[in-house]
């Protein structure tokens, strides 16, 4: 099924998809479908791709960068920081 009518896809809905937000379709207050962006349309790389690229670059330049202590401290702080769940507003 294509997400397009006579005038093409709804721009607001497409912008929502591009942000990675799932759209729930309800009928009689019951969810009937969930729409989300295809994995092939998501921007960026996954973590394993980033690690593989970094390792390939290290091998190419024959040097392994070592993060300084401030970087390591910042990373530990980010990992330990509390995380809030994403709760979209009722209008989204």
Protein backbone atom coordinates (compact mmCIF):
# COMPACT_ATOMS: atom_id res chain seq x y z
CA UNK A 1 0.00 0.00 0.00
CA UNK A 2 1.38 3.39 -0.91
CA UNK A 3 1.11 6.33 1.46
CA UNK A 4 -0.21 8.59 -1.25
CA UNK A 5 -3.57 9.85 -2.31
CA UNK A 6 -4.51 11.85 -5.37
CA UNK A 7 -2.42 14.77 -4.09
CA UNK A 8 0.51 12.73 -2.75
CA UNK A 9 1.49 11.91 0.84
CA UNK A 10 0.41 14.19 3.69
CA UNK A 11 3.41 16.47 4.44
CA UNK A 12 2.73 16.57 8.19
CA UNK A 13 2.57 12.77 8.38
CA UNK A 14 5.76 12.43 6.32
CA UNK A 15 7.55 14.90 8.63
CA UNK A 16 6.46 12.77 11.58
CA UNK A 17 7.86 9.65 9.91
CA UNK A 18 11.16 11.37 9.16
CA UNK A 19 11.52 12.20 12.87
CA UNK A 20 11.22 8.48 13.61
CA UNK A 21 7.91 8.86 15.47
CA UNK A 22 5.47 5.99 15.19
CA UNK A 23 1.89 6.77 14.18
CA UNK A 24 -0.86 4.69 15.78
CA UNK A 25 -4.13 4.26 13.92
CA UNK A 26 -7.16 3.60 16.09
CA UNK A 27 -10.67 2.47 15.41
CA UNK A 28 -13.26 2.63 18.21
CA UNK A 29 -10.48 3.64 20.62
CA UNK A 30 -8.56 0.43 19.85
CA UNK A 31 -5.20 0.43 18.04
CA UNK A 32 -5.53 -1.23 14.65
CA UNK A 33 -2.18 -0.37 13.05
CA UNK A 34 1.19 1.20 13.74
CA UNK A 35 3.02 3.10 11.03
CA UNK A 36 6.76 3.69 11.33
CA UNK A 37 9.55 4.65 9.00
CA UNK A 38 11.28 1.88 7.11
CA UNK A 39 14.72 0.96 8.42
CA UNK A 40 16.14 1.85 5.00
CA UNK A 41 14.91 5.44 5.40
CA UNK A 42 16.36 6.05 8.86
CA UNK A 43 19.29 8.46 8.87
CA UNK A 44 22.70 7.55 10.17
CA UNK A 45 24.50 4.33 10.97
CA UNK A 46 23.92 1.78 13.67
CA UNK A 47 26.56 1.31 16.37
CA UNK A 48 28.11 -1.82 14.86
CA UNK A 49 28.68 0.04 11.56
CA UNK A 50 30.34 2.92 13.44
CA UNK A 51 32.64 0.54 15.30
CA UNK A 52 33.58 -1.28 12.10
CA UNK A 53 34.39 2.02 10.36
CA UNK A 54 36.50 3.19 13.31
CA UNK A 55 38.42 -0.08 13.41
CA UNK A 56 39.03 0.04 9.65
CA UNK A 57 40.31 3.62 9.96
CA UNK A 58 42.62 2.65 12.82
CA UNK A 59 44.07 -0.18 10.72
CA UNK A 60 44.52 2.16 7.75
CA UNK A 61 46.44 4.79 9.71
CA UNK A 62 48.14 2.24 12.00
CA UNK A 63 47.22 4.26 15.08
CA UNK A 64 44.61 3.78 17.80
CA UNK A 65 43.40 7.07 19.32
CA UNK A 66 43.13 7.05 23.11
CA UNK A 67 40.44 9.26 24.70
CA UNK A 68 41.69 11.58 27.44
CA UNK A 69 40.40 11.34 31.02
CA UNK A 70 37.90 14.21 30.55
CA UNK A 71 36.27 12.36 27.66
CA UNK A 72 36.05 9.16 29.71
CA UNK A 73 34.54 11.11 32.64
CA UNK A 74 31.94 12.70 30.35
CA UNK A 75 31.03 9.29 28.91
CA UNK A 76 30.62 7.77 32.38
CA UNK A 77 28.40 10.69 33.36
CA UNK A 78 26.23 10.26 30.28
CA UNK A 79 25.84 6.55 30.85
CA UNK A 80 24.94 7.04 34.52
CA UNK A 81 22.47 9.89 33.85
CA UNK A 82 18.80 9.10 34.42
CA UNK A 83 16.75 8.62 31.27
CA UNK A 84 13.17 9.67 30.80
CA UNK A 85 10.83 7.70 28.59
CA UNK A 86 9.57 9.46 25.51
CA UNK A 87 5.91 10.27 26.07
CA UNK A 88 4.47 12.06 23.03
CA UNK A 89 1.73 14.55 23.73
CA UNK A 90 -1.84 13.60 22.87
CA UNK A 91 -1.61 15.81 19.78
CA UNK A 92 1.26 13.87 18.21
